[in-house]
C-alpha atoms as a PDB file:
ATOM      1  CA  MET A   1      -7.405  -8.756 -18.527  1.00  0.00           C
ATOM      2  CA  ASN A   2      -6.611  -5.061 -18.884  1.00  0.00           C
ATOM      3  CA  LEU A   3      -3.257  -3.457 -19.660  1.00  0.00           C
ATOM      4  CA  ASN A   4      -2.462  -2.641 -16.021  1.00  0.00           C
ATOM      5  CA  GLN A   5      -3.087  -6.270 -15.037  1.00  0.00           C
ATOM      6  CA  LEU A   6      -0.953  -7.545 -17.906  1.00  0.00           C
ATOM      7  CA  MET A   7       1.992  -5.306 -17.024  1.00  0.00           C
ATOM      8  CA  SER A   8       1.652  -6.250 -13.358  1.00  0.00           C
ATOM      9  CA  ILE A   9       2.032  -9.910 -14.352  1.00  0.00           C
ATOM     10  CA  VAL A  10       5.068  -9.121 -16.525  1.00  0.00           C
ATOM     11  CA  VAL A  11       6.825  -6.983 -13.899  1.00  0.00           C
ATOM     12  CA  SER A  12       6.181  -9.416 -11.039  1.00  0.00           C
ATOM     13  CA  SER A  13       7.271 -12.459 -13.051  1.00  0.00           C
ATOM     14  CA  GLU A  14      10.583 -14.263 -12.610  1.00  0.00           C
ATOM     15  CA  LEU A  15      13.090 -15.492 -15.185  1.00  0.00           C
ATOM     16  CA  LYS A  16      11.921 -19.083 -14.726  1.00  0.00           C
ATOM     17  CA  ASP A  17       8.451 -17.990 -15.916  1.00  0.00           C
ATOM     18  CA  TRP A  18       9.768 -17.227 -19.411  1.00  0.00           C
ATOM     19  CA  ASN A  19      10.976 -19.268 -22.369  1.00  0.00           C
ATOM     20  CA  HIS A  20      13.790 -17.119 -23.764  1.00  0.00           C
ATOM     21  CA  ILE A  21      14.614 -17.538 -27.445  1.00  0.00           C
ATOM     22  CA  SER A  22      17.754 -15.770 -28.640  1.00  0.00           C
ATOM     23  CA  CYS A  23      17.277 -14.862 -32.270  1.00  0.00           C
ATOM     24  CA  TRP A  24      20.849 -14.000 -33.264  1.00  0.00           C
ATOM     25  CA  GLY A  25      24.230 -15.639 -33.053  1.00  0.00           C
ATOM     26  CA  TYR A  26      25.413 -18.774 -34.848  1.00  0.00           C
ATOM     27  CA  GLY A  27      22.566 -20.039 -36.991  1.00  0.00           C
ATOM     28  CA  GLY A  28      20.196 -17.456 -35.509  1.00  0.00           C
ATOM     29  CA  ALA A  29      17.252 -16.011 -37.337  1.00  0.00           C
ATOM     30  CA  PRO A  30      15.009 -12.991 -36.840  1.00  0.00           C
ATOM     31  CA  SER A  31      12.334 -13.166 -34.164  1.00  0.00           C
ATOM     32  CA  SER A  32       9.483 -12.621 -36.630  1.00  0.00           C
ATOM     33  CA  ARG A  33       8.957  -9.242 -34.955  1.00  0.00           C
ATOM     34  CA  GLU A  34      10.595  -7.403 -37.834  1.00  0.00           C
ATOM     35  CA  HIS A  35      10.807  -3.690 -38.376  1.00  0.00           C
ATOM     36  CA  LEU A  36      10.158  -2.830 -41.984  1.00  0.00           C
ATOM     37  CA  VAL A  37      12.395  -0.184 -43.496  1.00  0.00           C
ATOM     38  CA  SER A  38      12.693   1.298 -46.919  1.00  0.00           C
ATOM     39  CA  PRO A  39      15.589  -0.139 -48.949  1.00  0.00           C
ATOM     40  CA  LYS A  40      17.045   3.370 -49.239  1.00  0.00           C
ATOM     41  CA  ASP A  41      17.187   3.611 -45.399  1.00  0.00           C
ATOM     42  CA  TYR A  42      18.662   0.145 -44.786  1.00  0.00           C
ATOM     43  CA  ASP A  43      22.362   0.280 -43.936  1.00  0.00           C
ATOM     44  CA  GLY A  44      22.961  -3.489 -44.068  1.00  0.00           C
ATOM     45  CA  ASN A  45      22.912  -4.072 -40.313  1.00  0.00           C
ATOM     46  CA  PRO A  46      20.463  -6.949 -39.558  1.00  0.00           C
ATOM     47  CA  TYR A  47      20.142  -5.772 -35.934  1.00  0.00           C
ATOM     48  CA  ASP A  48      18.275  -2.714 -37.221  1.00  0.00           C
ATOM     49  CA  LEU A  49      15.532  -4.877 -38.696  1.00  0.00           C
ATOM     50  CA  ALA A  50      14.270  -7.127 -35.909  1.00  0.00           C
ATOM     51  CA  HIS A  51      14.242  -7.820 -32.211  1.00  0.00           C
ATOM     52  CA  SER A  52      17.123 -10.053 -31.224  1.00  0.00           C
ATOM     53  CA  HIS A  53      15.256 -11.782 -28.376  1.00  0.00           C
ATOM     54  CA  LEU A  54      11.817 -13.233 -27.876  1.00  0.00           C
ATOM     55  CA  CYS A  55      10.465 -14.392 -24.505  1.00  0.00           C
ATOM     56  CA  VAL A  56       7.220 -16.303 -24.095  1.00  0.00           C
ATOM     57  CA  TYR A  57       5.447 -16.322 -20.721  1.00  0.00           C
ATOM     58  CA  ILE A  58       5.185 -20.021 -19.818  1.00  0.00           C
ATOM     59  CA  PRO A  59       2.001 -19.793 -17.657  1.00  0.00           C
ATOM     60  CA  ASP A  60       0.145 -17.982 -20.483  1.00  0.00           C
ATOM     61  CA  VAL A  61       1.654 -18.172 -23.976  1.00  0.00           C
ATOM     62  CA  SER A  62      -0.573 -15.307 -25.147  1.00  0.00           C
ATOM     63  CA  VAL A  63       1.941 -13.006 -23.392  1.00  0.00           C
ATOM     64  CA  SER A  64       5.368 -12.399 -24.917  1.00  0.00           C
ATOM     65  CA  ILE A  65       8.190  -9.875 -24.892  1.00  0.00           C
ATOM     66  CA  ALA A  66      10.455  -9.112 -27.836  1.00  0.00           C
ATOM     67  CA  PHE A  67      13.482  -6.883 -27.317  1.00  0.00           C
ATOM     68  CA  GLY A  68      16.578  -5.617 -29.047  1.00  0.00           C
ATOM     69  CA  LEU A  69      15.153  -3.628 -31.978  1.00  0.00           C
ATOM     70  CA  ALA A  70      17.406  -0.546 -32.219  1.00  0.00           C
ATOM     71  CA  TRP A  71      16.063   3.000 -32.392  1.00  0.00           C
ATOM     72  CA  THR A  72      19.536   4.575 -32.333  1.00  0.00           C
ATOM     73  CA  ASP A  73      23.039   3.163 -32.538  1.00  0.00           C
ATOM     74  CA  ASP A  74      24.628   6.280 -31.052  1.00  0.00           C
ATOM     75  CA  PHE A  75      22.895   7.268 -27.808  1.00  0.00           C
ATOM     76  CA  LYS A  76      24.352  10.365 -26.134  1.00  0.00           C
ATOM     77  CA  GLU A  77      23.640  11.201 -22.487  1.00  0.00           C
ATOM     78  CA  GLU A  78      26.189  11.851 -19.743  1.00  0.00           C
ATOM     79  CA  TRP A  79      24.939   8.956 -17.598  1.00  0.00           C
ATOM     80  CA  ALA A  80      25.106   6.502 -20.528  1.00  0.00           C
ATOM     81  CA  ASN A  81      28.527   7.494 -21.871  1.00  0.00           C
ATOM     82  CA  ARG A  82      30.504   7.543 -18.610  1.00  0.00           C
ATOM     83  CA  PHE A  83      31.687   3.941 -18.762  1.00  0.00           C
ATOM     84  CA  ALA A  84      35.013   2.544 -20.061  1.00  0.00           C
ATOM     85  CA  ASP A  85      33.457   1.955 -23.475  1.00  0.00           C
ATOM     86  CA  ARG A  86      31.500   5.137 -24.199  1.00  0.00           C
ATOM     87  CA  LYS A  87      29.400   3.427 -26.880  1.00  0.00           C
ATOM     88  CA  ALA A  88      25.691   3.283 -26.051  1.00  0.00           C
ATOM     89  CA  CYS A  89      22.675   2.455 -28.191  1.00  0.00           C
ATOM     90  CA  GLY A  90      18.939   2.677 -27.725  1.00  0.00           C
ATOM     91  CA  CYS A  91      16.586  -0.275 -28.183  1.00  0.00           C
ATOM     92  CA  TYR A  92      12.954  -1.200 -27.664  1.00  0.00           C
ATOM     93  CA  ALA A  93      11.302  -3.869 -25.550  1.00  0.00           C
ATOM     94  CA  ASP A  94       7.829  -4.712 -26.839  1.00  0.00           C
ATOM     95  CA  VAL A  95       5.163  -6.545 -24.835  1.00  0.00           C
ATOM     96  CA  PHE A  96       2.643  -8.520 -26.878  1.00  0.00           C
ATOM     97  CA  HIS A  97      -0.699 -10.041 -25.926  1.00  0.00           C
ATOM     98  CA  ASN A  98      -2.249 -12.470 -28.399  1.00  0.00           C
ATOM     99  CA  GLY A  99       0.302 -11.261 -30.936  1.00  0.00           C
ATOM    100  CA  ALA A 100      -0.754  -7.606 -30.634  1.00  0.00           C
ATOM    101  CA  LEU A 101       1.757  -5.003 -29.534  1.00  0.00           C
ATOM    102  CA  VAL A 102       0.295  -3.557 -26.319  1.00  0.00           C
ATOM    103  CA  PHE A 103       3.266  -1.817 -24.688  1.00  0.00           C
ATOM    104  CA  ARG A 104       6.655  -0.463 -25.784  1.00  0.00           C
ATOM    105  CA  GLU A 105       9.521   0.583 -23.526  1.00  0.00           C
ATOM    106  CA  ALA A 106      12.771   2.181 -24.672  1.00  0.00           C
ATOM    107  CA  PHE A 107      16.003   1.206 -22.947  1.00  0.00           C
ATOM    108  CA  VAL A 108      19.707   1.843 -23.445  1.00  0.00           C
ATOM    109  CA  ILE A 109      22.552  -0.644 -23.852  1.00  0.00           C
ATOM    110  CA  VAL A 110      25.709   0.864 -22.335  1.00  0.00           C
ATOM    111  CA  ASP A 111      29.441   0.198 -22.087  1.00  0.00           C
ATOM    112  CA  GLY A 112      29.718  -1.279 -25.567  1.00  0.00           C
ATOM    113  CA  GLY A 113      26.914  -3.800 -24.975  1.00  0.00           C
ATOM    114  CA  ARG A 114      27.742  -4.927 -21.452  1.00  0.00           C
ATOM    115  CA  THR A 115      24.377  -4.158 -19.857  1.00  0.00           C
ATOM    116  CA  LYS A 116      20.904  -2.728 -20.385  1.00  0.00           C
ATOM    117  CA  LEU A 117      19.680   0.291 -18.428  1.00  0.00           C
ATOM    118  CA  PRO A 118      16.313   2.045 -18.278  1.00  0.00           C
ATOM    119  CA  LEU A 119      15.739   5.277 -20.116  1.00  0.00           C
ATOM    120  CA  PRO A 120      14.905   7.876 -17.448  1.00  0.00           C
ATOM    121  CA  PRO A 121      11.414   9.404 -17.709  1.00  0.00           C
ATOM    122  CA  ALA A 122      12.943  12.909 -17.841  1.00  0.00           C
ATOM    123  CA  ARG A 123      16.222  13.968 -19.406  1.00  0.00           C
ATOM    124  CA  ASP A 124      17.426  15.980 -16.406  1.00  0.00           C
ATOM    125  CA  LYS A 125      16.375  13.495 -13.687  1.00  0.00           C
ATOM    126  CA  LEU A 126      17.854  10.105 -12.965  1.00  0.00           C
ATOM    127  CA  ASP A 127      14.908   8.882 -10.880  1.00  0.00           C
ATOM    128  CA  ILE A 128      13.728   5.471 -12.093  1.00  0.00           C
ATOM    129  CA  PRO A 129      10.469   3.846 -10.974  1.00  0.00           C
ATOM    130  CA  LYS A 130      11.148   0.512  -9.237  1.00  0.00           C
ATOM    131  CA  ASP A 131       8.970  -1.468 -11.656  1.00  0.00           C
ATOM    132  CA  GLN A 132      10.699   0.051 -14.682  1.00  0.00           C
ATOM    133  CA  ALA A 133      14.088  -0.926 -13.227  1.00  0.00           C
ATOM    134  CA  ARG A 134      12.809  -4.438 -12.469  1.00  0.00           C
ATOM    135  CA  PHE A 135      11.560  -4.854 -16.054  1.00  0.00           C
ATOM    136  CA  ILE A 136      14.848  -3.756 -17.670  1.00  0.00           C
ATOM    137  CA  ARG A 137      16.856  -5.800 -15.144  1.00  0.00           C
ATOM    138  CA  MET A 138      14.843  -8.867 -16.180  1.00  0.00           C
ATOM    139  CA  LEU A 139      15.707  -8.219 -19.848  1.00  0.00           C
ATOM    140  CA  ASP A 140      19.376  -7.937 -18.912  1.00  0.00           C
ATOM    141  CA  CYS A 141      19.213 -11.229 -16.990  1.00  0.00           C
ATOM    142  CA  PHE A 142      17.815 -13.159 -19.961  1.00  0.00           C
ATOM    143  CA  GLU A 143      21.248 -13.096 -21.591  1.00  0.00           C
ATOM    144  CA  GLY A 144      23.107 -14.695 -18.690  1.00  0.00           C
ATOM    145  CA  ILE A 145      25.028 -13.108 -15.860  1.00  0.00           C
ATOM    146  CA  SER A 146      23.606  -9.651 -15.310  1.00  0.00           C
ATOM    147  CA  THR A 147      25.661  -6.608 -14.355  1.00  0.00           C
ATOM    148  CA  PHE A 148      22.541  -4.432 -14.153  1.00  0.00           C
ATOM    149  CA  ASP A 149      22.744  -3.539 -10.447  1.00  0.00           C
ATOM    150  CA  ASN A 150      26.364  -2.386 -10.672  1.00  0.00           C
ATOM    151  CA  TYR A 151      25.762  -0.270 -13.789  1.00  0.00           C
ATOM    152  CA  PHE A 152      22.489   1.136 -12.422  1.00  0.00           C
ATOM    153  CA  GLN A 153      24.395   2.488  -9.428  1.00  0.00           C
ATOM    154  CA  ARG A 154      27.349   3.703 -11.509  1.00  0.00           C
ATOM    155  CA  ALA A 155      24.989   5.578 -13.857  1.00  0.00           C
ATOM    156  CA  GLY A 156      23.759   7.569 -10.852  1.00  0.00           C
ATOM    157  CA  PHE A 157      20.168   6.328 -10.979  1.00  0.00           C
ATOM    158  CA  ARG A 158      17.868   6.459  -7.951  1.00  0.00           C
ATOM    159  CA  LEU A 159      14.872   4.178  -7.412  1.00  0.00           C
ATOM    160  CA  THR A 160      11.474   5.773  -6.786  1.00  0.00           C
ATOM    161  CA  ASP A 161       8.034   4.481  -5.882  1.00  0.00           C
ATOM    162  CA  ALA A 162       6.468   6.286  -8.851  1.00  0.00           C
ATOM    163  CA  PRO A 163       3.940   4.143 -10.720  1.00  0.00           C
ATOM    164  CA  TRP A 164       5.207   2.472 -13.874  1.00  0.00           C
ATOM    165  CA  PRO A 165       3.916   2.118 -16.437  1.00  0.00           C
ATOM    166  CA  ALA A 166       1.374   4.884 -15.955  1.00  0.00           C
ATOM    167  CA  PHE A 167      -1.673   4.436 -18.156  1.00  0.00           C
ATOM    168  CA  ARG A 168      -4.700   6.662 -18.345  1.00  0.00           C
ATOM    169  CA  THR A 169      -7.536   4.769 -16.722  1.00  0.00           C
ATOM    170  CA  ASP A 170     -10.329   7.368 -16.880  1.00  0.00           C
ATOM    171  CA  PRO A 171     -12.339   6.782 -20.091  1.00  0.00           C
ATOM    172  CA  ASP A 172     -13.618  10.371 -19.902  1.00  0.00           C
ATOM    173  CA  ASP A 173     -10.062  11.762 -20.345  1.00  0.00           C
ATOM    174  CA  ASP A 174     -10.287  11.542 -24.149  1.00  0.00           C
ATOM    175  CA  LYS A 175     -13.690  13.220 -24.174  1.00  0.00           C
ATOM    176  CA  ARG A 176     -12.456  16.046 -21.887  1.00  0.00           C
ATOM    177  CA  GLN A 177      -9.380  16.544 -24.077  1.00  0.00           C
ATOM    178  CA  ARG A 178     -11.499  16.772 -27.265  1.00  0.00           C
ATOM    179  CA  ILE A 179     -13.801  19.332 -25.600  1.00  0.00           C
ATOM    180  CA  GLN A 180     -10.801  21.437 -24.481  1.00  0.00           C
ATOM    181  CA  VAL A 181      -9.264  21.394 -27.967  1.00  0.00           C
ATOM    182  CA  LYS A 182     -12.605  22.318 -29.547  1.00  0.00           C
ATOM    183  CA  ALA A 183     -13.076  25.188 -27.084  1.00  0.00           C
ATOM    184  CA  LYS A 184      -9.560  26.533 -27.821  1.00  0.00           C
ATOM    185  CA  ARG A 185     -10.355  26.485 -31.538  1.00  0.00           C
ATOM    186  CA  GLY A 186     -13.519  28.482 -30.928  1.00  0.00           C
ATOM    187  CA  GLY A 187     -15.933  25.591 -31.370  1.00  0.00           C
ATOM    188  CA  ALA A 188     -18.826  24.690 -29.118  1.00  0.00           C
ATOM    189  CA  ALA A 189     -17.830  23.018 -25.871  1.00  0.00           C
END
């Protein structure tokens, strides 16, 4: 299985295909997908250290998704801060295959934690590939009643048919890039 095939399985899956394990709340524990930080950088917030959710793909347990690890607790963009509660934070969703991290997607939790929204591919455009929206919507649904569709519309997002995720598939791309860099540096091409 290649990465495109794996992500196709993930994006086309349904909630019933996943065993969702919430890793926080009463008696909760980290997901074992911890983020190591230096003691001098740790501010005491356990949500900064680990994903708060782990989902295992029931038809093939070698596939899992962990999400909730924060990359910022104060996300600022007009589309994300337009809701009643202007608080927004950025988190990661990580896809694993056989325990190896194979894909990472950033998303934003808006309106003080009420829903998850995709991070647009470009800062000045609110066009979201359909598969990216489907993936983040699925994450939002894991926690119960989803308000994704309402917030997606209120944020001003537009769905596109652009491919997502877009991986390089030409093995010669790396070789061409190395040759171009060498030529720019005055080396032999």
